[in-house]
Each structure stands twice: as C-alpha cells, then as structure tokens.
C-alpha cells in the first residue's frame, strides 16, 4: 500500500502506458534517482500527463522529505 517503506531509488525507470508493448517512444518518461542525494522511491503512471511520485524520507530524519532530487528524460515538446 501507500504506507509501504520505500527502500531504494528509482533507477532508469521507464513509464509506459497500460497495455503498451514495444520500445519506448518519445514522451514515455524515464525517471532516475540512482545517484548521490537522489531520493525518488517510486513512480506511478496516472494519465499521459500525470504521475504520482513517492519521495524517500531524508536519511538523518525519516519524518521529513525536504528535497526532491531526480531526473526525467525522454520528454516530448509540450508534455
């Protein structure tokens, strides 16, 4: 569920539409937080232009999520 502990960072996670098979196309976003200070733990695809992003808690204080540090690639114009 939503309250599950998110243990690791997303690493080059490609978000594909439900039921899509094949190679990713322009606009199929690629999220990555597998680098020092990256903290994106999970990505849920909601619609073509909406995603739920789950940020991992801060290392020294698990009650807080102070920063958002991740990359997004493969965007298309006007996305």
Protein backbone atom coordinates (compact mmCIF):
# COMPACT_ATOMS: atom_id res chain seq x y z
CA UNK A 1 0.00 0.00 0.00
CA UNK A 2 0.88 3.66 0.05
CA UNK A 3 2.33 3.34 3.56
CA UNK A 4 4.91 0.74 2.45
CA UNK A 5 8.51 1.69 3.17
CA UNK A 6 10.32 2.73 0.02
CA UNK A 7 13.82 1.30 0.40
CA UNK A 8 15.72 2.16 -2.78
CA UNK A 9 15.91 4.75 -5.52
CA UNK A 10 14.27 4.51 -8.92
CA UNK A 11 16.96 3.66 -11.48
CA UNK A 12 16.23 4.49 -15.14
CA UNK A 13 12.55 3.57 -14.68
CA UNK A 14 10.66 3.85 -17.99
CA UNK A 15 6.97 4.69 -17.60
CA UNK A 16 4.89 3.04 -20.32
CA UNK A 17 1.11 3.39 -20.79
CA UNK A 18 -1.00 0.46 -19.60
CA UNK A 19 -1.15 -2.27 -22.24
CA UNK A 20 1.68 -0.78 -24.33
CA UNK A 21 4.19 -3.26 -25.74
CA UNK A 22 7.34 -2.39 -27.61
CA UNK A 23 10.18 0.07 -27.46
CA UNK A 24 9.68 3.32 -25.56
CA UNK A 25 8.73 6.29 -27.74
CA UNK A 26 9.34 10.00 -27.24
CA UNK A 27 7.10 11.04 -24.36
CA UNK A 28 7.46 7.78 -22.43
CA UNK A 29 9.24 9.34 -19.47
CA UNK A 30 12.36 7.87 -17.91
CA UNK A 31 12.86 8.68 -14.21
CA UNK A 32 16.20 8.22 -12.47
CA UNK A 33 17.40 8.90 -8.92
CA UNK A 34 20.27 6.41 -8.75
CA UNK A 35 22.93 8.94 -7.80
CA UNK A 36 24.20 10.60 -4.62
CA UNK A 37 21.37 12.58 -2.96
CA UNK A 38 18.74 11.13 -5.32
CA UNK A 39 15.56 10.30 -3.41
CA UNK A 40 12.79 9.19 -5.78
CA UNK A 41 11.48 5.87 -4.48
CA UNK A 42 8.52 5.06 -6.74
CA UNK A 43 6.64 6.38 -9.78
CA UNK A 44 3.02 5.56 -10.57
CA UNK A 45 1.61 6.45 -14.00
CA UNK A 46 -1.84 8.04 -13.63
CA UNK A 47 -2.55 9.55 -17.08
CA UNK A 48 -0.48 10.70 -20.06
CA UNK A 49 0.37 13.93 -18.25
CA UNK A 50 0.03 12.89 -14.60
CA UNK A 51 2.33 10.83 -12.39
CA UNK A 52 2.38 10.14 -8.66
CA UNK A 53 5.94 10.46 -7.36
CA UNK A 54 6.92 8.99 -4.00
CA UNK A 55 9.94 10.62 -2.40
CA UNK A 56 12.08 8.65 0.04
CA UNK A 57 12.48 10.08 3.56
CA UNK A 58 15.60 12.05 4.46
CA UNK A 59 18.46 9.86 5.66
CA UNK A 60 19.02 11.56 9.01
CA UNK A 61 15.37 12.28 9.81
CA UNK A 62 12.84 9.77 8.43
CA UNK A 63 9.90 12.02 9.41
CA UNK A 64 10.78 14.57 6.72
CA UNK A 65 11.11 14.81 2.97
CA UNK A 66 12.90 18.11 2.48
CA UNK A 67 14.24 17.92 -1.07
CA UNK A 68 13.23 16.39 -4.40
CA UNK A 69 16.21 15.17 -6.41
CA UNK A 70 15.76 13.07 -9.54
CA UNK A 71 16.00 13.39 -13.32
CA UNK A 72 13.38 12.99 -16.05
CA UNK A 73 14.36 12.15 -19.63
CA UNK A 74 12.66 11.44 -22.95
CA UNK A 75 10.07 14.22 -22.73
CA UNK A 76 8.37 15.46 -25.87
CA UNK A 77 7.56 19.04 -26.73
CA UNK A 78 4.51 20.41 -24.83
CA UNK A 79 4.44 17.44 -22.45
